[in-house]
PDB file of N, CA and C in Angstrom:
ATOM      1  N   MET A   1    -134.515  85.573 267.334  1.00  0.00           N
ATOM      2  CA  MET A   1    -135.600  84.935 266.627  1.00  0.00           C
ATOM      3  C   MET A   1    -136.880  84.982 267.464  1.00  0.00           C
ATOM      4  N   THR A   2    -137.987  85.038 266.791  1.00  0.00           N
ATOM      5  CA  THR A   2    -139.284  85.000 267.447  1.00  0.00           C
ATOM      6  C   THR A   2    -139.651  83.556 267.729  1.00  0.00           C
ATOM      7  N   ALA A   3    -140.053  83.282 268.942  1.00  0.00           N
ATOM      8  CA  ALA A   3    -140.451  81.919 269.293  1.00  0.00           C
ATOM      9  C   ALA A   3    -141.920  81.715 268.965  1.00  0.00           C
ATOM     10  N   CYS A   4    -142.232  80.560 268.501  1.00  0.00           N
ATOM     11  CA  CYS A   4    -143.607  80.175 268.192  1.00  0.00           C
ATOM     12  C   CYS A   4    -144.076  79.256 269.314  1.00  0.00           C
ATOM     13  N   ASP A   5    -145.263  79.486 269.822  1.00  0.00           N
ATOM     14  CA  ASP A   5    -145.776  78.620 270.881  1.00  0.00           C
ATOM     15  C   ASP A   5    -146.307  77.337 270.252  1.00  0.00           C
ATOM     16  N   CYS A   6    -145.468  76.334 270.222  1.00  0.00           N
ATOM     17  CA  CYS A   6    -145.825  75.060 269.602  1.00  0.00           C
ATOM     18  C   CYS A   6    -146.275  74.043 270.636  1.00  0.00           C
ATOM     19  N   SER A   7    -146.602  74.493 271.827  1.00  0.00           N
ATOM     20  CA  SER A   7    -147.012  73.567 272.876  1.00  0.00           C
ATOM     21  C   SER A   7    -148.399  73.008 272.577  1.00  0.00           C
ATOM     22  N   PHE A   8    -148.664  71.848 273.132  1.00  0.00           N
ATOM     23  CA  PHE A   8    -149.919  71.157 272.861  1.00  0.00           C
ATOM     24  C   PHE A   8    -150.693  70.949 274.147  1.00  0.00           C
ATOM     25  N   ILE A   9    -151.978  71.243 274.078  1.00  0.00           N
ATOM     26  CA  ILE A   9    -152.836  71.044 275.244  1.00  0.00           C
ATOM     27  C   ILE A   9    -153.123  69.557 275.433  1.00  0.00           C
ATOM     28  N   ASP A  10    -153.445  68.860 274.343  1.00  0.00           N
ATOM     29  CA  ASP A  10    -153.811  67.449 274.421  1.00  0.00           C
ATOM     30  C   ASP A  10    -152.686  66.519 274.000  1.00  0.00           C
ATOM     31  N   TYR A  11    -151.468  66.995 274.008  1.00  0.00           N
ATOM     32  CA  TYR A  11    -150.345  66.194 273.556  1.00  0.00           C
ATOM     33  C   TYR A  11    -150.031  65.085 274.543  1.00  0.00           C
ATOM     34  N   GLU A  12    -149.969  63.875 274.036  1.00  0.00           N
ATOM     35  CA  GLU A  12    -149.601  62.734 274.859  1.00  0.00           C
ATOM     36  C   GLU A  12    -148.166  62.350 274.529  1.00  0.00           C
ATOM     37  N   ALA A  13    -147.317  62.335 275.502  1.00  0.00           N
ATOM     38  CA  ALA A  13    -145.916  61.982 275.289  1.00  0.00           C
ATOM     39  C   ALA A  13    -145.808  60.529 274.834  1.00  0.00           C
ATOM     40  N   PRO A  14    -144.818  60.225 274.002  1.00  0.00           N
ATOM     41  CA  PRO A  14    -144.648  58.844 273.554  1.00  0.00           C
ATOM     42  C   PRO A  14    -144.224  57.948 274.704  1.00  0.00           C
ATOM     43  N   SER A  15    -144.655  56.698 274.650  1.00  0.00           N
ATOM     44  CA  SER A  15    -144.260  55.741 275.689  1.00  0.00           C
ATOM     45  C   SER A  15    -142.827  55.258 275.457  1.00  0.00           C
ATOM     46  N   VAL A  16    -142.384  55.261 274.207  1.00  0.00           N
ATOM     47  CA  VAL A  16    -141.011  54.915 273.837  1.00  0.00           C
ATOM     48  C   VAL A  16    -140.568  55.965 272.822  1.00  0.00           C
ATOM     49  N   PHE A  17    -139.342  56.462 272.953  1.00  0.00           N
ATOM     50  CA  PHE A  17    -138.879  57.531 272.077  1.00  0.00           C
ATOM     51  C   PHE A  17    -137.367  57.427 271.896  1.00  0.00           C
ATOM     52  N   ARG A  18    -136.924  57.564 270.656  1.00  0.00           N
ATOM     53  CA  ARG A  18    -135.489  57.595 270.371  1.00  0.00           C
ATOM     54  C   ARG A  18    -135.242  58.642 269.293  1.00  0.00           C
ATOM     55  N   GLN A  19    -134.272  59.509 269.540  1.00  0.00           N
ATOM     56  CA  GLN A  19    -133.937  60.574 268.599  1.00  0.00           C
ATOM     57  C   GLN A  19    -132.432  60.581 268.386  1.00  0.00           C
ATOM     58  N   GLU A  20    -132.014  60.679 267.129  1.00  0.00           N
ATOM     59  CA  GLU A  20    -130.586  60.725 266.831  1.00  0.00           C
ATOM     60  C   GLU A  20    -130.355  61.401 265.486  1.00  0.00           C
ATOM     61  N   ALA A  21    -129.139  61.869 265.284  1.00  0.00           N
ATOM     62  CA  ALA A  21    -128.718  62.396 263.988  1.00  0.00           C
ATOM     63  C   ALA A  21    -128.104  61.237 263.214  1.00  0.00           C
ATOM     64  N   ARG A  22    -128.438  61.159 261.931  1.00  0.00           N
ATOM     65  CA  ARG A  22    -127.914  60.100 261.082  1.00  0.00           C
ATOM     66  C   ARG A  22    -127.390  60.697 259.786  1.00  0.00           C
ATOM     67  N   THR A  23    -126.575  59.913 259.095  1.00  0.00           N
ATOM     68  CA  THR A  23    -126.146  60.248 257.744  1.00  0.00           C
ATOM     69  C   THR A  23    -126.865  59.294 256.805  1.00  0.00           C
ATOM     70  N   ALA A  24    -127.572  59.857 255.831  1.00  0.00           N
ATOM     71  CA  ALA A  24    -128.387  59.035 254.927  1.00  0.00           C
ATOM     72  C   ALA A  24    -127.515  58.137 254.056  1.00  0.00           C
ATOM     73  N   ARG A  25    -127.896  56.870 253.978  1.00  0.00           N
ATOM     74  CA  ARG A  25    -127.244  55.922 253.062  1.00  0.00           C
ATOM     75  C   ARG A  25    -128.040  55.781 251.781  1.00  0.00           C
ATOM     76  N   LYS A  26    -129.318  56.153 251.849  1.00  0.00           N
ATOM     77  CA  LYS A  26    -130.186  56.146 250.671  1.00  0.00           C
ATOM     78  C   LYS A  26    -131.102  57.365 250.772  1.00  0.00           C
ATOM     79  N   ALA A  27    -131.806  57.668 249.706  1.00  0.00           N
ATOM     80  CA  ALA A  27    -132.691  58.832 249.689  1.00  0.00           C
ATOM     81  C   ALA A  27    -133.920  58.593 250.573  1.00  0.00           C
ATOM     82  N   HIS A  28    -134.314  59.634 251.285  1.00  0.00           N
ATOM     83  CA  HIS A  28    -135.521  59.634 252.105  1.00  0.00           C
ATOM     84  C   HIS A  28    -136.257  60.939 251.842  1.00  0.00           C
ATOM     85  N   ALA A  29    -137.539  60.964 252.106  1.00  0.00           N
ATOM     86  CA  ALA A  29    -138.298  62.215 252.055  1.00  0.00           C
ATOM     87  C   ALA A  29    -138.383  62.783 253.468  1.00  0.00           C
ATOM     88  N   CYS A  30    -138.192  64.083 253.592  1.00  0.00           N
ATOM     89  CA  CYS A  30    -138.334  64.747 254.888  1.00  0.00           C
ATOM     90  C   CYS A  30    -139.791  64.663 255.322  1.00  0.00           C
ATOM     91  N   SER A  31    -140.024  64.284 256.565  1.00  0.00           N
ATOM     92  CA  SER A  31    -141.379  64.168 257.107  1.00  0.00           C
ATOM     93  C   SER A  31    -142.044  65.523 257.304  1.00  0.00           C
ATOM     94  N   GLU A  32    -141.272  66.600 257.247  1.00  0.00           N
ATOM     95  CA  GLU A  32    -141.824  67.940 257.461  1.00  0.00           C
ATOM     96  C   GLU A  32    -142.123  68.667 256.153  1.00  0.00           C
ATOM     97  N   CYS A  33    -141.152  68.752 255.248  1.00  0.00           N
ATOM     98  CA  CYS A  33    -141.327  69.550 254.029  1.00  0.00           C
ATOM     99  C   CYS A  33    -141.436  68.712 252.760  1.00  0.00           C
ATOM    100  N   GLY A  34    -141.099  67.423 252.832  1.00  0.00           N
ATOM    101  CA  GLY A  34    -141.161  66.553 251.665  1.00  0.00           C
ATOM    102  C   GLY A  34    -139.912  66.573 250.805  1.00  0.00           C
ATOM    103  N   ARG A  35    -138.966  67.453 251.121  1.00  0.00           N
ATOM    104  CA  ARG A  35    -137.712  67.541 250.380  1.00  0.00           C
ATOM    105  C   ARG A  35    -136.982  66.208 250.456  1.00  0.00           C
ATOM    106  N   ILE A  36    -136.259  65.870 249.397  1.00  0.00           N
ATOM    107  CA  ILE A  36    -135.489  64.629 249.402  1.00  0.00           C
ATOM    108  C   ILE A  36    -134.209  64.817 250.213  1.00  0.00           C
ATOM    109  N   ILE A  37    -133.994  63.919 251.131  1.00  0.00           N
ATOM    110  CA  ILE A  37    -132.747  63.859 251.894  1.00  0.00           C
ATOM    111  C   ILE A  37    -131.846  62.923 251.100  1.00  0.00           C
ATOM    112  N   ASP A  38    -130.795  63.469 250.520  1.00  0.00           N
ATOM    113  CA  ASP A  38    -129.913  62.695 249.649  1.00  0.00           C
ATOM    114  C   ASP A  38    -128.900  61.879 250.442  1.00  0.00           C
ATOM    115  N   PRO A  39    -128.404  60.781 249.851  1.00  0.00           N
ATOM    116  CA  PRO A  39    -127.334  60.020 250.503  1.00  0.00           C
ATOM    117  C   PRO A  39    -126.162  60.953 250.843  1.00  0.00           C
ATOM    118  N   GLY A  40    -125.669  60.811 252.059  1.00  0.00           N
ATOM    119  CA  GLY A  40    -124.587  61.654 252.549  1.00  0.00           C
ATOM    120  C   GLY A  40    -125.057  62.829 253.383  1.00  0.00           C
ATOM    121  N   ASP A  41    -126.351  63.212 253.265  1.00  0.00           N
ATOM    122  CA  ASP A  41    -126.901  64.308 254.064  1.00  0.00           C
ATOM    123  C   ASP A  41    -127.110  63.854 255.505  1.00  0.00           C
ATOM    124  N   THR A  42    -126.901  64.762 256.442  1.00  0.00           N
ATOM    125  CA  THR A  42    -127.221  64.507 257.843  1.00  0.00           C
ATOM    126  C   THR A  42    -128.681  64.873 258.056  1.00  0.00           C
ATOM    127  N   TYR A  43    -129.401  64.042 258.794  1.00  0.00           N
ATOM    128  CA  TYR A  43    -130.814  64.288 259.055  1.00  0.00           C
ATOM    129  C   TYR A  43    -131.176  63.804 260.444  1.00  0.00           C
ATOM    130  N   GLY A  44    -132.297  64.262 260.943  1.00  0.00           N
ATOM    131  CA  GLY A  44    -132.801  63.805 262.234  1.00  0.00           C
ATOM    132  C   GLY A  44    -133.666  62.575 262.039  1.00  0.00           C
ATOM    133  N   HIS A  45    -133.469  61.592 262.885  1.00  0.00           N
ATOM    134  CA  HIS A  45    -134.246  60.353 262.820  1.00  0.00           C
ATOM    135  C   HIS A  45    -134.902  60.155 264.180  1.00  0.00           C
ATOM    136  N   VAL A  46    -136.227  60.073 264.180  1.00  0.00           N
ATOM    137  CA  VAL A  46    -136.996  59.890 265.414  1.00  0.00           C
ATOM    138  C   VAL A  46    -137.886  58.672 265.242  1.00  0.00           C
ATOM    139  N   THR A  47    -137.864  57.798 266.222  1.00  0.00           N
ATOM    140  CA  THR A  47    -138.758  56.653 266.273  1.00  0.00           C
ATOM    141  C   THR A  47    -139.427  56.675 267.640  1.00  0.00           C
ATOM    142  N   GLY A  48    -140.723  56.409 267.659  1.00  0.00           N
ATOM    143  CA  GLY A  48    -141.411  56.406 268.930  1.00  0.00           C
ATOM    144  C   GLY A  48    -142.753  55.710 268.842  1.00  0.00           C
ATOM    145  N   CYS A  49    -143.330  55.494 270.005  1.00  0.00           N
ATOM    146  CA  CYS A  49    -144.645  54.870 270.107  1.00  0.00           C
ATOM    147  C   CYS A  49    -145.589  55.876 270.763  1.00  0.00           C
ATOM    148  N   TRP A  50    -146.487  56.429 269.947  1.00  0.00           N
ATOM    149  CA  TRP A  50    -147.480  57.379 270.412  1.00  0.00           C
ATOM    150  C   TRP A  50    -148.839  56.695 270.449  1.00  0.00           C
ATOM    151  N   ASP A  51    -149.424  56.664 271.610  1.00  0.00           N
ATOM    152  CA  ASP A  51    -150.769  56.101 271.787  1.00  0.00           C
ATOM    153  C   ASP A  51    -150.876  54.696 271.199  1.00  0.00           C
ATOM    154  N   GLY A  52    -149.828  53.898 271.414  1.00  0.00           N
ATOM    155  CA  GLY A  52    -149.840  52.507 270.963  1.00  0.00           C
ATOM    156  C   GLY A  52    -149.458  52.290 269.508  1.00  0.00           C
ATOM    157  N   HIS A  53    -149.091  53.353 268.791  1.00  0.00           N
ATOM    158  CA  HIS A  53    -148.726  53.245 267.377  1.00  0.00           C
ATOM    159  C   HIS A  53    -147.288  53.706 267.164  1.00  0.00           C
ATOM    160  N   TRP A  54    -146.493  52.868 266.499  1.00  0.00           N
ATOM    161  CA  TRP A  54    -145.100  53.197 266.199  1.00  0.00           C
ATOM    162  C   TRP A  54    -145.021  54.093 264.972  1.00  0.00           C
ATOM    163  N   SER A  55    -144.163  55.087 265.043  1.00  0.00           N
ATOM    164  CA  SER A  55    -143.940  55.998 263.916  1.00  0.00           C
ATOM    165  C   SER A  55    -142.465  56.333 263.820  1.00  0.00           C
ATOM    166  N   THR A  56    -142.027  56.618 262.595  1.00  0.00           N
ATOM    167  CA  THR A  56    -140.667  57.063 262.333  1.00  0.00           C
ATOM    168  C   THR A  56    -140.739  58.354 261.536  1.00  0.00           C
ATOM    169  N   PHE A  57    -139.927  59.324 261.917  1.00  0.00           N
ATOM    170  CA  PHE A  57    -139.877  60.608 261.228  1.00  0.00           C
ATOM    171  C   PHE A  57    -138.430  60.914 260.859  1.00  0.00           C
ATOM    172  N   ARG A  58    -138.235  61.359 259.619  1.00  0.00           N
ATOM    173  CA  ARG A  58    -136.922  61.781 259.140  1.00  0.00           C
ATOM    174  C   ARG A  58    -137.026  63.262 258.809  1.00  0.00           C
ATOM    175  N   THR A  59    -136.114  64.064 259.347  1.00  0.00           N
ATOM    176  CA  THR A  59    -136.192  65.511 259.189  1.00  0.00           C
ATOM    177  C   THR A  59    -134.901  66.056 258.609  1.00  0.00           C
ATOM    178  N   CYS A  60    -135.025  66.769 257.476  1.00  0.00           N
ATOM    179  CA  CYS A  60    -133.853  67.348 256.812  1.00  0.00           C
ATOM    180  C   CYS A  60    -133.224  68.437 257.685  1.00  0.00           C
ATOM    181  N   ALA A  61    -131.987  68.787 257.375  1.00  0.00           N
ATOM    182  CA  ALA A  61    -131.258  69.786 258.158  1.00  0.00           C
ATOM    183  C   ALA A  61    -131.954  71.149 258.191  1.00  0.00           C
ATOM    184  N   PRO A  62    -132.470  71.671 257.063  1.00  0.00           N
ATOM    185  CA  PRO A  62    -133.165  72.969 257.155  1.00  0.00           C
ATOM    186  C   PRO A  62    -134.382  72.933 258.079  1.00  0.00           C
ATOM    187  N   CYS A  63    -135.173  71.880 258.026  1.00  0.00           N
ATOM    188  CA  CYS A  63    -136.340  71.783 258.911  1.00  0.00           C
ATOM    189  C   CYS A  63    -135.927  71.633 260.370  1.00  0.00           C
ATOM    190  N   ARG A  64    -134.839  70.932 260.614  1.00  0.00           N
ATOM    191  CA  ARG A  64    -134.336  70.815 261.991  1.00  0.00           C
ATOM    192  C   ARG A  64    -133.928  72.182 262.521  1.00  0.00           C
ATOM    193  N   ALA A  65    -133.293  72.994 261.672  1.00  0.00           N
ATOM    194  CA  ALA A  65    -132.874  74.335 262.084  1.00  0.00           C
ATOM    195  C   ALA A  65    -134.085  75.233 262.334  1.00  0.00           C
ATOM    196  N   ILE A  66    -135.081  75.157 261.467  1.00  0.00           N
ATOM    197  CA  ILE A  66    -136.304  75.944 261.648  1.00  0.00           C
ATOM    198  C   ILE A  66    -136.985  75.554 262.951  1.00  0.00           C
ATOM    199  N   ARG A  67    -137.085  74.265 263.211  1.00  0.00           N
ATOM    200  CA  ARG A  67    -137.712  73.788 264.448  1.00  0.00           C
ATOM    201  C   ARG A  67    -136.939  74.275 265.668  1.00  0.00           C
ATOM    202  N   ALA A  68    -135.616  74.207 265.619  1.00  0.00           N
ATOM    203  CA  ALA A  68    -134.793  74.650 266.746  1.00  0.00           C
ATOM    204  C   ALA A  68    -134.975  76.146 267.008  1.00  0.00           C
ATOM    205  N   ASP A  69    -135.107  76.949 265.944  1.00  0.00           N
ATOM    206  CA  ASP A  69    -135.249  78.396 266.100  1.00  0.00           C
ATOM    207  C   ASP A  69    -136.643  78.822 266.538  1.00  0.00           C
ATOM    208  N   TYR A  70    -137.690  78.137 266.074  1.00  0.00           N
ATOM    209  CA  TYR A  70    -139.045  78.614 266.290  1.00  0.00           C
ATOM    210  C   TYR A  70    -139.896  77.767 267.225  1.00  0.00           C
ATOM    211  N   CYS A  71    -139.545  76.537 267.458  1.00  0.00           N
ATOM    212  CA  CYS A  71    -140.419  75.663 268.247  1.00  0.00           C
ATOM    213  C   CYS A  71    -139.729  75.154 269.502  1.00  0.00           C
ATOM    214  N   SER A  72    -139.218  76.062 270.286  1.00  0.00           N
ATOM    215  CA  SER A  72    -138.508  75.671 271.502  1.00  0.00           C
ATOM    216  C   SER A  72    -139.437  75.076 272.553  1.00  0.00           C
ATOM    217  N   GLY A  73    -140.745  75.339 272.449  1.00  0.00           N
ATOM    218  CA  GLY A  73    -141.693  74.837 273.441  1.00  0.00           C
ATOM    219  C   GLY A  73    -142.239  73.461 273.135  1.00  0.00           C
ATOM    220  N   GLY A  74    -141.725  72.813 272.094  1.00  0.00           N
ATOM    221  CA  GLY A  74    -142.207  71.493 271.707  1.00  0.00           C
ATOM    222  C   GLY A  74    -142.867  71.559 270.347  1.00  0.00           C
ATOM    223  N   HIS A  75    -143.172  70.422 269.800  1.00  0.00           N
ATOM    224  CA  HIS A  75    -143.763  70.361 268.475  1.00  0.00           C
ATOM    225  C   HIS A  75    -144.326  68.978 268.213  1.00  0.00           C
ATOM    226  N   GLU A  76    -145.106  68.898 267.175  1.00  0.00           N
ATOM    227  CA  GLU A  76    -145.659  67.624 266.735  1.00  0.00           C
ATOM    228  C   GLU A  76    -144.878  67.188 265.503  1.00  0.00           C
ATOM    229  N   TYR A  77    -144.297  66.015 265.531  1.00  0.00           N
ATOM    230  CA  TYR A  77    -143.531  65.526 264.383  1.00  0.00           C
ATOM    231  C   TYR A  77    -144.442  65.390 263.169  1.00  0.00           C
ATOM    232  N   GLY A  78    -143.959  65.853 262.036  1.00  0.00           N
ATOM    233  CA  GLY A  78    -144.737  65.818 260.812  1.00  0.00           C
ATOM    234  C   GLY A  78    -145.687  66.990 260.665  1.00  0.00           C
ATOM    235  N   GLY A  79    -145.674  67.932 261.582  1.00  0.00           N
ATOM    236  CA  GLY A  79    -146.592  69.061 261.538  1.00  0.00           C
ATOM    237  C   GLY A  79    -145.923  70.419 261.581  1.00  0.00           C
ATOM    238  N   LEU A  80    -144.611  70.485 261.311  1.00  0.00           N
ATOM    239  CA  LEU A  80    -143.889  71.754 261.406  1.00  0.00           C
ATOM    240  C   LEU A  80    -144.442  72.800 260.447  1.00  0.00           C
ATOM    241  N   ARG A  81    -144.680  72.421 259.204  1.00  0.00           N
ATOM    242  CA  ARG A  81    -145.172  73.358 258.191  1.00  0.00           C
ATOM    243  C   ARG A  81    -146.509  73.965 258.621  1.00  0.00           C
ATOM    244  N   GLU A  82    -147.430  73.127 259.045  1.00  0.00           N
ATOM    245  CA  GLU A  82    -148.742  73.595 259.484  1.00  0.00           C
ATOM    246  C   GLU A  82    -148.630  74.459 260.741  1.00  0.00           C
ATOM    247  N   THR A  83    -147.787  74.067 261.668  1.00  0.00           N
ATOM    248  CA  THR A  83    -147.625  74.822 262.909  1.00  0.00           C
ATOM    249  C   THR A  83    -147.104  76.227 262.625  1.00  0.00           C
ATOM    250  N   LEU A  84    -146.102  76.346 261.756  1.00  0.00           N
ATOM    251  CA  LEU A  84    -145.566  77.675 261.443  1.00  0.00           C
ATOM    252  C   LEU A  84    -146.580  78.524 260.682  1.00  0.00           C
ATOM    253  N   TRP A  85    -147.393  77.889 259.852  1.00  0.00           N
ATOM    254  CA  TRP A  85    -148.440  78.639 259.154  1.00  0.00           C
ATOM    255  C   TRP A  85    -149.445  79.195 260.166  1.00  0.00           C
ATOM    256  N   GLU A  86    -149.901  78.352 261.078  1.00  0.00           N
ATOM    257  CA  GLU A  86    -150.888  78.782 262.070  1.00  0.00           C
ATOM    258  C   GLU A  86    -150.312  79.811 263.034  1.00  0.00           C
ATOM    259  N   CYS A  87    -149.067  79.637 263.395  1.00  0.00           N
ATOM    260  CA  CYS A  87    -148.443  80.473 264.420  1.00  0.00           C
ATOM    261  C   CYS A  87    -147.904  81.792 263.858  1.00  0.00           C
ATOM    262  N   LEU A  88    -147.197  81.709 262.723  1.00  0.00           N
ATOM    263  CA  LEU A  88    -146.517  82.880 262.183  1.00  0.00           C
ATOM    264  C   LEU A  88    -147.057  83.352 260.839  1.00  0.00           C
ATOM    265  N   GLY A  89    -147.919  82.559 260.212  1.00  0.00           N
ATOM    266  CA  GLY A  89    -148.437  82.934 258.900  1.00  0.00           C
ATOM    267  C   GLY A  89    -147.408  82.783 257.794  1.00  0.00           C
ATOM    268  N   ILE A  90    -146.491  81.829 257.957  1.00  0.00           N
ATOM    269  CA  ILE A  90    -145.427  81.598 256.980  1.00  0.00           C
ATOM    270  C   ILE A  90    -145.475  80.141 256.535  1.00  0.00           C
ATOM    271  N   ASP A  91    -145.457  79.921 255.210  1.00  0.00           N
ATOM    272  CA  ASP A  91    -145.280  78.574 254.671  1.00  0.00           C
ATOM    273  C   ASP A  91    -143.905  78.556 254.026  1.00  0.00           C
ATOM    274  N   TYR A  92    -142.943  78.009 254.731  1.00  0.00           N
ATOM    275  CA  TYR A  92    -141.560  78.038 254.272  1.00  0.00           C
ATOM    276  C   TYR A  92    -141.300  77.101 253.096  1.00  0.00           C
ATOM    277  N   VAL A  93    -142.260  76.247 252.734  1.00  0.00           N
ATOM    278  CA  VAL A  93    -142.079  75.332 251.610  1.00  0.00           C
ATOM    279  C   VAL A  93    -142.458  76.011 250.292  1.00  0.00           C
ATOM    280  N   ASP A  94    -143.637  76.648 250.254  1.00  0.00           N
ATOM    281  CA  ASP A  94    -144.059  77.264 248.993  1.00  0.00           C
ATOM    282  C   ASP A  94    -143.939  78.785 248.984  1.00  0.00           C
ATOM    283  N   GLY A  95    -143.452  79.371 250.069  1.00  0.00           N
ATOM    284  CA  GLY A  95    -143.190  80.801 250.102  1.00  0.00           C
ATOM    285  C   GLY A  95    -144.368  81.688 250.462  1.00  0.00           C
ATOM    286  N   ARG A  96    -145.518  81.095 250.796  1.00  0.00           N
ATOM    287  CA  ARG A  96    -146.675  81.919 251.163  1.00  0.00           C
ATOM    288  C   ARG A  96    -146.435  82.628 252.491  1.00  0.00           C
ATOM    289  N   VAL A  97    -146.905  83.859 252.536  1.00  0.00           N
ATOM    290  CA  VAL A  97    -146.916  84.632 253.766  1.00  0.00           C
ATOM    291  C   VAL A  97    -148.320  85.192 253.902  1.00  0.00           C
ATOM    292  N   ALA A  98    -148.943  84.999 255.053  1.00  0.00           N
ATOM    293  CA  ALA A  98    -150.315  85.449 255.254  1.00  0.00           C
ATOM    294  C   ALA A  98    -150.430  86.924 254.912  1.00  0.00           C
ATOM    295  N   GLY A  99    -151.410  87.255 254.068  1.00  0.00           N
ATOM    296  CA  GLY A  99    -151.638  88.637 253.701  1.00  0.00           C
ATOM    297  C   GLY A  99    -150.830  89.098 252.482  1.00  0.00           C
ATOM    298  N   TRP A 100    -149.968  88.235 251.938  1.00  0.00           N
ATOM    299  CA  TRP A 100    -149.153  88.580 250.777  1.00  0.00           C
ATOM    300  C   TRP A 100    -149.465  87.629 249.640  1.00  0.00           C
ATOM    301  N   ALA A 101    -149.502  88.139 248.437  1.00  0.00           N
ATOM    302  CA  ALA A 101    -149.709  87.289 247.266  1.00  0.00           C
ATOM    303  C   ALA A 101    -148.367  86.736 246.798  1.00  0.00           C
ATOM    304  N   VAL A 102    -148.367  85.486 246.371  1.00  0.00           N
ATOM    305  CA  VAL A 102    -147.167  84.869 245.832  1.00  0.00           C
ATOM    306  C   VAL A 102    -147.147  85.095 244.330  1.00  0.00           C
ATOM    307  N   GLU A 103    -146.015  85.591 243.838  1.00  0.00           N
ATOM    308  CA  GLU A 103    -145.894  85.835 242.407  1.00  0.00           C
ATOM    309  C   GLU A 103    -145.716  84.538 241.655  1.00  0.00           C
ATOM    310  N   ALA A 104    -146.413  84.430 240.519  1.00  0.00           N
ATOM    311  CA  ALA A 104    -146.349  83.216 239.716  1.00  0.00           C
ATOM    312  C   ALA A 104    -145.181  83.233 238.754  1.00  0.00           C
TER     313      ALA A 104
END
């Protein structure tokens, strides 16, 4: 796989951070693609305090796999779609590829 340089120049590490895999008990929206994480699905759950503000991110299994394959250098939670567009010219949610027209 091709690695995407997802490193950040001005990235401030969270002062508190917790990451774990969970099984959904209720429906959630993925913080990356917006897809519904259905009850029973395994998803990534991240809670942290960035610059004095607490945030929680839930990431579906496909987005977790995409992040693992392409963003080995780090990433910004909630920004995977934008990062891959800027880095690789691919929007994995709506199928756009830079320089290619999407058929209607």
